[in-house]
Amino acid sequence: MQPTKQDNALEQAIQILTADHDKVRLLFREYKKLMDLDADASQRGPVAAKICQELTAHAELEEQIFYPAARKAISEDAEECMDHADVEHQSLKRLIADIEGSHPDDEHFDANVHVLQEYVAHHVEEEENDMFEELRHAEPKMDSVLKKMQEAVSKRTEKPSPFKDKSPKNAGDARQSKAAARKQVRTSGSQKKPAAADK
């Protein structure tokens, strides 16, 4: 009797990875809302930290357990998707390091998070539409891989935000000052009278 999709080890392994993808999508959405509201560092920092933490744990799971098994399973002419994934992971790690090495009030912090979101969206699309489909065609036995993945997920722990200790004492005030300055520039520009009217 053929295993059903529900109890197939490959499908369960894919479900673990897609659950991670969905979690990170929601976190990026949350960060975007905070950006739109001009939220201060104390609100944006923890969300950015959580995004980086989730992506780092996810990348470790793939690189150490899932990718090696996937590379063995798929045909040689389909290995290009594995090479893409490896290179994309390196780019993602560099962006994560840039984000974790800076502060939410830094000039390019929001831009780095936004670019990270775009990279992740592209990576996830290729993974879910290409790599996972190649593996479904190959039908590898993934029972031991699934077990290792489940063990790794159960060992994941929450890490403290890397931004807490770097936050200036008056980070909130600084953020408010920046917002006030932007507002003043907008309003002063619209209220300025033409030079001819001053005469």
Protein backbone atom coordinates (compact mmCIF):
# COMPACT_ATOMS: atom_id res chain seq x y z
CA MET A 1 0.00 0.00 0.00
CA GLN A 2 1.35 3.41 -1.01
CA PRO A 3 1.80 5.94 1.84
CA THR A 4 -0.59 8.86 1.74
CA LYS A 5 0.59 12.45 1.50
CA GLN A 6 -0.24 12.94 5.18
CA ASP A 7 2.03 10.16 6.49
CA ASN A 8 4.76 10.45 3.85
CA ALA A 9 8.02 11.51 5.55
CA LEU A 10 8.97 13.85 2.68
CA GLU A 11 5.63 15.67 2.93
CA GLN A 12 6.01 16.01 6.70
CA ALA A 13 9.52 17.42 6.25
CA ILE A 14 8.20 19.88 3.66
CA GLN A 15 5.41 20.89 6.05
CA ILE A 16 8.00 21.76 8.72
CA LEU A 17 9.81 24.03 6.27
CA THR A 18 6.67 25.66 4.87
CA ALA A 19 5.44 26.32 8.43
CA ASP A 20 8.70 28.25 8.97
CA HIS A 21 8.10 30.14 5.72
CA ASP A 22 4.59 31.12 6.82
CA LYS A 23 5.82 32.25 10.25
CA VAL A 24 8.43 34.53 8.72
CA ARG A 25 5.92 35.95 6.20
CA LEU A 26 3.71 37.02 9.13
CA LEU A 27 6.66 38.59 10.95
CA PHE A 28 7.64 40.61 7.87
CA ARG A 29 4.01 41.75 7.56
CA GLU A 30 4.07 42.83 11.20
CA TYR A 31 7.32 44.77 10.65
CA LYS A 32 5.85 46.53 7.59
CA LYS A 33 2.87 47.68 9.68
CA LEU A 34 5.23 49.09 12.32
CA MET A 35 7.19 50.94 9.63
CA ASP A 36 3.97 52.42 8.23
CA LEU A 37 3.06 53.62 11.73
CA ASP A 38 6.56 55.09 12.22
CA ALA A 39 6.91 52.92 15.32
CA ASP A 40 9.98 53.50 17.47
CA ALA A 41 12.99 51.22 17.94
CA SER A 42 11.57 49.50 21.02
CA GLN A 43 8.72 48.12 18.87
CA ARG A 44 10.54 47.43 15.60
CA GLY A 45 13.71 45.99 17.15
CA PRO A 46 12.16 42.86 18.72
CA VAL A 47 10.27 42.02 15.52
CA ALA A 48 13.42 42.40 13.40
CA ALA A 49 15.32 40.27 15.94
CA LYS A 50 12.63 37.57 15.75
CA ILE A 51 12.78 37.59 11.93
CA CYS A 52 16.57 37.12 12.02
CA GLN A 53 16.31 34.41 14.67
CA GLU A 54 13.66 32.45 12.77
CA LEU A 55 15.55 32.70 9.48
CA THR A 56 18.85 31.63 11.08
CA ALA A 57 17.24 28.57 12.71
CA HIS A 58 15.47 27.72 9.45
CA ALA A 59 18.67 28.02 7.40
CA GLU A 60 20.52 25.73 9.85
CA LEU A 61 17.74 23.14 9.57
CA GLU A 62 17.95 23.19 5.78
CA GLU A 63 21.73 23.32 5.43
CA GLN A 64 22.56 20.70 8.05
CA ILE A 65 19.74 18.20 7.49
CA PHE A 66 17.35 18.81 4.60
CA TYR A 67 19.58 20.09 1.76
CA PRO A 68 22.19 17.28 1.91
CA ALA A 69 19.40 14.68 1.65
CA ALA A 70 17.65 16.65 -1.08
CA ARG A 71 20.83 16.98 -3.14
CA LYS A 72 21.34 13.18 -3.02
CA ALA A 73 17.74 12.52 -4.03
CA ILE A 74 17.18 14.78 -7.03
CA SER A 75 18.59 14.15 -10.49
CA GLU A 76 21.80 15.82 -11.61
CA ASP A 77 20.04 18.01 -14.18
CA ALA A 78 17.86 19.44 -11.38
CA GLU A 79 20.77 20.28 -9.07
CA GLU A 80 20.72 23.90 -10.22
CA CYS A 81 17.90 24.65 -7.75
CA MET A 82 20.10 23.33 -4.92
CA ASP A 83 23.01 25.55 -6.05
CA HIS A 84 20.68 28.56 -6.15
CA ALA A 85 19.48 27.79 -2.63
CA ASP A 86 23.07 27.56 -1.31
CA VAL A 87 24.05 30.92 -2.83
CA GLU A 88 20.84 32.61 -1.69
CA HIS A 89 21.46 31.41 1.88
CA GLN A 90 24.85 33.14 1.87
CA SER A 91 23.25 36.41 0.74
CA LEU A 92 20.56 36.11 3.40
CA LYS A 93 23.16 35.51 6.11
CA ARG A 94 25.07 38.65 5.13
CA LEU A 95 21.89 40.75 5.36
CA ILE A 96 20.95 39.18 8.70
CA ALA A 97 24.45 40.00 10.01
CA ASP A 98 24.05 43.62 8.84
CA ILE A 99 20.69 43.90 10.59
CA GLU A 100 21.87 42.28 13.83
CA GLY A 101 25.01 44.43 13.79
CA SER A 102 23.06 47.68 13.63
CA HIS A 103 20.32 49.49 15.58
CA PRO A 104 16.68 50.01 14.51
CA ASP A 105 17.26 53.77 14.45
CA ASP A 106 20.18 53.46 12.00
CA GLU A 107 19.62 55.05 8.61
CA HIS A 108 19.45 51.84 6.53
CA PHE A 109 17.92 49.50 9.10
CA ASP A 110 14.38 49.52 7.66
CA ALA A 111 15.76 49.25 4.12
CA ASN A 112 17.84 46.21 5.10
CA VAL A 113 14.78 44.50 6.60
CA HIS A 114 12.79 45.30 3.44
CA VAL A 115 15.50 43.90 1.14
CA LEU A 116 15.74 40.81 3.36
CA GLN A 117 11.98 40.34 2.92
CA GLU A 118 12.34 40.49 -0.88
CA TYR A 119 15.25 38.01 -0.86
CA VAL A 120 13.33 35.60 1.38
CA ALA A 121 10.19 35.84 -0.79
CA HIS A 122 12.22 34.94 -3.90
CA HIS A 123 14.05 32.12 -2.11
CA VAL A 124 10.84 30.64 -0.72
CA GLU A 125 9.13 30.76 -4.13
CA GLU A 126 11.96 28.81 -5.77
CA GLU A 127 12.12 26.34 -2.91
CA GLU A 128 8.39 25.63 -2.78
CA ASN A 129 7.78 25.63 -6.55
CA ASP A 130 11.00 24.01 -7.82
CA MET A 131 12.96 22.13 -5.18
CA PHE A 132 10.02 20.57 -3.35
CA GLU A 133 8.42 19.52 -6.65
CA GLU A 134 11.67 17.90 -7.83
CA LEU A 135 11.79 15.95 -4.58
CA ARG A 136 8.18 14.82 -4.94
CA HIS A 137 9.06 13.39 -8.35
CA ALA A 138 12.15 11.66 -6.93
CA GLU A 139 10.15 10.17 -4.00
CA PRO A 140 13.15 9.70 -1.65
CA LYS A 141 12.87 7.93 1.68
CA MET A 142 13.13 10.71 4.23
CA ASP A 143 12.23 8.97 7.52
CA SER A 144 15.62 9.54 9.18
CA VAL A 145 15.77 13.10 7.80
CA LEU A 146 12.31 13.85 9.17
CA LYS A 147 13.28 12.51 12.60
CA LYS A 148 16.40 14.72 12.71
CA MET A 149 14.36 17.75 11.61
CA GLN A 150 11.73 17.15 14.29
CA GLU A 151 14.46 16.84 16.94
CA ALA A 152 16.12 20.06 15.75
CA VAL A 153 12.82 21.98 15.82
CA SER A 154 12.05 20.75 19.35
CA LYS A 155 15.45 22.08 20.54
CA ARG A 156 14.91 25.60 19.22
CA THR A 157 15.10 28.19 21.98
CA GLU A 158 14.19 31.85 22.20
CA LYS A 159 17.21 34.15 22.07
CA PRO A 160 17.25 37.66 23.57
CA SER A 161 16.99 40.55 21.13
CA PRO A 162 20.45 41.62 19.93
CA PHE A 163 19.28 45.25 19.88
CA LYS A 164 18.48 45.73 23.61
CA ASP A 165 22.00 46.48 24.81
CA LYS A 166 22.79 48.68 21.81
CA SER A 167 19.79 50.92 22.30
CA PRO A 168 20.71 54.49 23.31
CA LYS A 169 19.14 55.67 26.56
CA ASN A 170 16.96 58.16 24.76
CA ALA A 171 16.27 56.04 21.67
CA GLY A 172 12.55 56.72 21.89
CA ASP A 173 13.13 60.46 22.22
CA ALA A 174 15.53 60.39 19.28
CA ARG A 175 13.00 58.58 17.14
CA GLN A 176 10.26 61.04 18.13
CA SER A 177 12.60 63.94 17.34
CA LYS A 178 13.23 62.52 13.87
CA ALA A 179 9.49 62.06 13.29
CA ALA A 180 8.81 65.60 14.55
CA ALA A 181 11.53 66.99 12.28
CA ARG A 182 10.04 65.22 9.26
CA LYS A 183 6.59 66.53 10.15
CA GLN A 184 7.94 70.07 10.58
CA VAL A 185 9.61 69.93 7.17
CA ARG A 186 6.34 68.81 5.55
CA THR A 187 4.17 71.44 7.28
CA SER A 188 6.63 74.32 6.94
CA GLY A 189 6.90 73.63 3.24
CA SER A 190 3.15 73.79 2.77
CA GLN A 191 2.65 76.89 4.96
CA LYS A 192 5.42 78.99 3.41
CA LYS A 193 4.05 82.10 1.67
CA PRO A 194 5.24 83.11 -1.78
CA ALA A 195 7.95 85.78 -1.77
CA ALA A 196 5.69 88.21 -3.65
CA ALA A 197 3.10 88.08 -0.88
CA ASP A 198 5.62 89.25 1.75
CA LYS A 199 6.09 92.62 0.06
